[in-house]
Amino acid sequence: MYAIEIFYSEEDEGYIAIVPELPGCSAFGETEERALQEVKIAMKLWLETAREMDRAIPVPLKRSLAASPA
């Protein structure tokens, strides 16, 4: 599974979701939840297009969750 980063953009007045491992794969939403929904669609389309064009698809990086400080 690819990592997804979501952040608020004051300039756009909404949330931006990006998939760092898939260049150019991003989406916008008025809420975090909507940005997440939209980026999942963008990821699917990114991967489908890469397959159709016979382009390399990055392997998701393995990540571990760090424990939150107490």
C-alpha atoms as a PDB file:
ATOM      1  CA  MET A   1       0.000   0.000   0.000  1.00  0.00           C
ATOM      2  CA  TYR A   2       1.265   3.443  -0.897  1.00  0.00           C
ATOM      3  CA  ALA A   3       1.584   6.169   1.712  1.00  0.00           C
ATOM      4  CA  ILE A   4      -0.804   9.092   1.392  1.00  0.00           C
ATOM      5  CA  GLU A   5      -0.067  12.535   2.804  1.00  0.00           C
ATOM      6  CA  ILE A   6      -2.912  14.978   3.439  1.00  0.00           C
ATOM      7  CA  PHE A   7      -2.460  18.611   4.378  1.00  0.00           C
ATOM      8  CA  TYR A   8      -4.499  21.787   4.448  1.00  0.00           C
ATOM      9  CA  SER A   9      -3.750  24.398   1.798  1.00  0.00           C
ATOM     10  CA  GLU A  10      -4.723  27.939   2.743  1.00  0.00           C
ATOM     11  CA  GLU A  11      -4.124  29.021  -0.858  1.00  0.00           C
ATOM     12  CA  ASP A  12      -6.607  26.440  -2.170  1.00  0.00           C
ATOM     13  CA  GLU A  13      -8.856  26.638   0.913  1.00  0.00           C
ATOM     14  CA  GLY A  14      -9.062  22.885   1.133  1.00  0.00           C
ATOM     15  CA  TYR A  15      -7.137  19.681   1.634  1.00  0.00           C
ATOM     16  CA  ILE A  16      -4.520  18.302  -0.725  1.00  0.00           C
ATOM     17  CA  ALA A  17      -3.716  14.593  -0.752  1.00  0.00           C
ATOM     18  CA  ILE A  18      -0.554  13.346  -2.420  1.00  0.00           C
ATOM     19  CA  VAL A  19       1.038   9.955  -3.035  1.00  0.00           C
ATOM     20  CA  PRO A  20       4.781  10.701  -2.867  1.00  0.00           C
ATOM     21  CA  GLU A  21       5.782   7.436  -4.557  1.00  0.00           C
ATOM     22  CA  LEU A  22       3.581   8.101  -7.601  1.00  0.00           C
ATOM     23  CA  PRO A  23       4.852  11.286  -9.261  1.00  0.00           C
ATOM     24  CA  GLY A  24       2.085  13.759  -9.985  1.00  0.00           C
ATOM     25  CA  CYS A  25      -0.573  11.747  -8.154  1.00  0.00           C
ATOM     26  CA  SER A  26      -2.579  14.170  -6.039  1.00  0.00           C
ATOM     27  CA  ALA A  27      -6.140  15.247  -5.341  1.00  0.00           C
ATOM     28  CA  PHE A  28      -8.138  18.010  -3.691  1.00  0.00           C
ATOM     29  CA  GLY A  29     -11.047  17.918  -1.276  1.00  0.00           C
ATOM     30  CA  GLU A  30     -12.950  20.380   0.866  1.00  0.00           C
ATOM     31  CA  THR A  31     -12.493  17.936   3.762  1.00  0.00           C
ATOM     32  CA  GLU A  32      -9.739  15.472   4.654  1.00  0.00           C
ATOM     33  CA  GLU A  33     -12.131  12.603   3.988  1.00  0.00           C
ATOM     34  CA  ARG A  34     -13.020  13.918   0.524  1.00  0.00           C
ATOM     35  CA  ALA A  35      -9.347  14.451  -0.352  1.00  0.00           C
ATOM     36  CA  LEU A  36      -8.660  10.844   0.677  1.00  0.00           C
ATOM     37  CA  GLN A  37     -11.542   9.535  -1.452  1.00  0.00           C
ATOM     38  CA  GLU A  38     -10.359  11.548  -4.437  1.00  0.00           C
ATOM     39  CA  VAL A  39      -6.711  10.511  -4.143  1.00  0.00           C
ATOM     40  CA  LYS A  40      -7.717   6.847  -4.036  1.00  0.00           C
ATOM     41  CA  ILE A  41      -9.430   7.374  -7.391  1.00  0.00           C
ATOM     42  CA  ALA A  42      -6.357   9.219  -8.687  1.00  0.00           C
ATOM     43  CA  MET A  43      -4.097   6.356  -7.548  1.00  0.00           C
ATOM     44  CA  LYS A  44      -6.236   3.800  -9.377  1.00  0.00           C
ATOM     45  CA  LEU A  45      -6.140   5.862 -12.561  1.00  0.00           C
ATOM     46  CA  TRP A  46      -2.389   6.516 -12.204  1.00  0.00           C
ATOM     47  CA  LEU A  47      -1.681   2.788 -11.902  1.00  0.00           C
ATOM     48  CA  GLU A  48      -4.049   1.848 -14.763  1.00  0.00           C
ATOM     49  CA  THR A  49      -2.418   4.419 -17.046  1.00  0.00           C
ATOM     50  CA  ALA A  50       1.083   3.265 -16.134  1.00  0.00           C
ATOM     51  CA  ARG A  51       0.134  -0.334 -16.983  1.00  0.00           C
ATOM     52  CA  GLU A  52      -1.478   0.689 -20.277  1.00  0.00           C
ATOM     53  CA  MET A  53       1.626   2.673 -21.250  1.00  0.00           C
ATOM     54  CA  ASP A  54       3.934  -0.133 -20.090  1.00  0.00           C
ATOM     55  CA  ARG A  55       5.655   2.177 -17.617  1.00  0.00           C
ATOM     56  CA  ALA A  56       7.425   1.099 -14.454  1.00  0.00           C
ATOM     57  CA  ILE A  57       5.259   1.079 -11.358  1.00  0.00           C
ATOM     58  CA  PRO A  58       7.078   1.948  -8.135  1.00  0.00           C
ATOM     59  CA  VAL A  59       7.013  -0.676  -5.412  1.00  0.00           C
ATOM     60  CA  PRO A  60       5.447   0.741  -2.236  1.00  0.00           C
ATOM     61  CA  LEU A  61       8.084   1.544   0.373  1.00  0.00           C
ATOM     62  CA  LYS A  62       7.857  -0.346   3.613  1.00  0.00           C
ATOM     63  CA  ARG A  63       7.132   2.008   6.455  1.00  0.00           C
ATOM     64  CA  SER A  64       6.830   1.466  10.158  1.00  0.00           C
ATOM     65  CA  LEU A  65       4.753   3.540  12.490  1.00  0.00           C
ATOM     66  CA  ALA A  66       6.736   5.211  15.226  1.00  0.00           C
ATOM     67  CA  ALA A  67       5.257   5.168  18.697  1.00  0.00           C
ATOM     68  CA  SER A  68       3.835   8.491  19.813  1.00  0.00           C
ATOM     69  CA  PRO A  69       5.639  10.138  22.717  1.00  0.00           C
ATOM     70  CA  ALA A  70       3.764   9.703  25.996  1.00  0.00           C
END
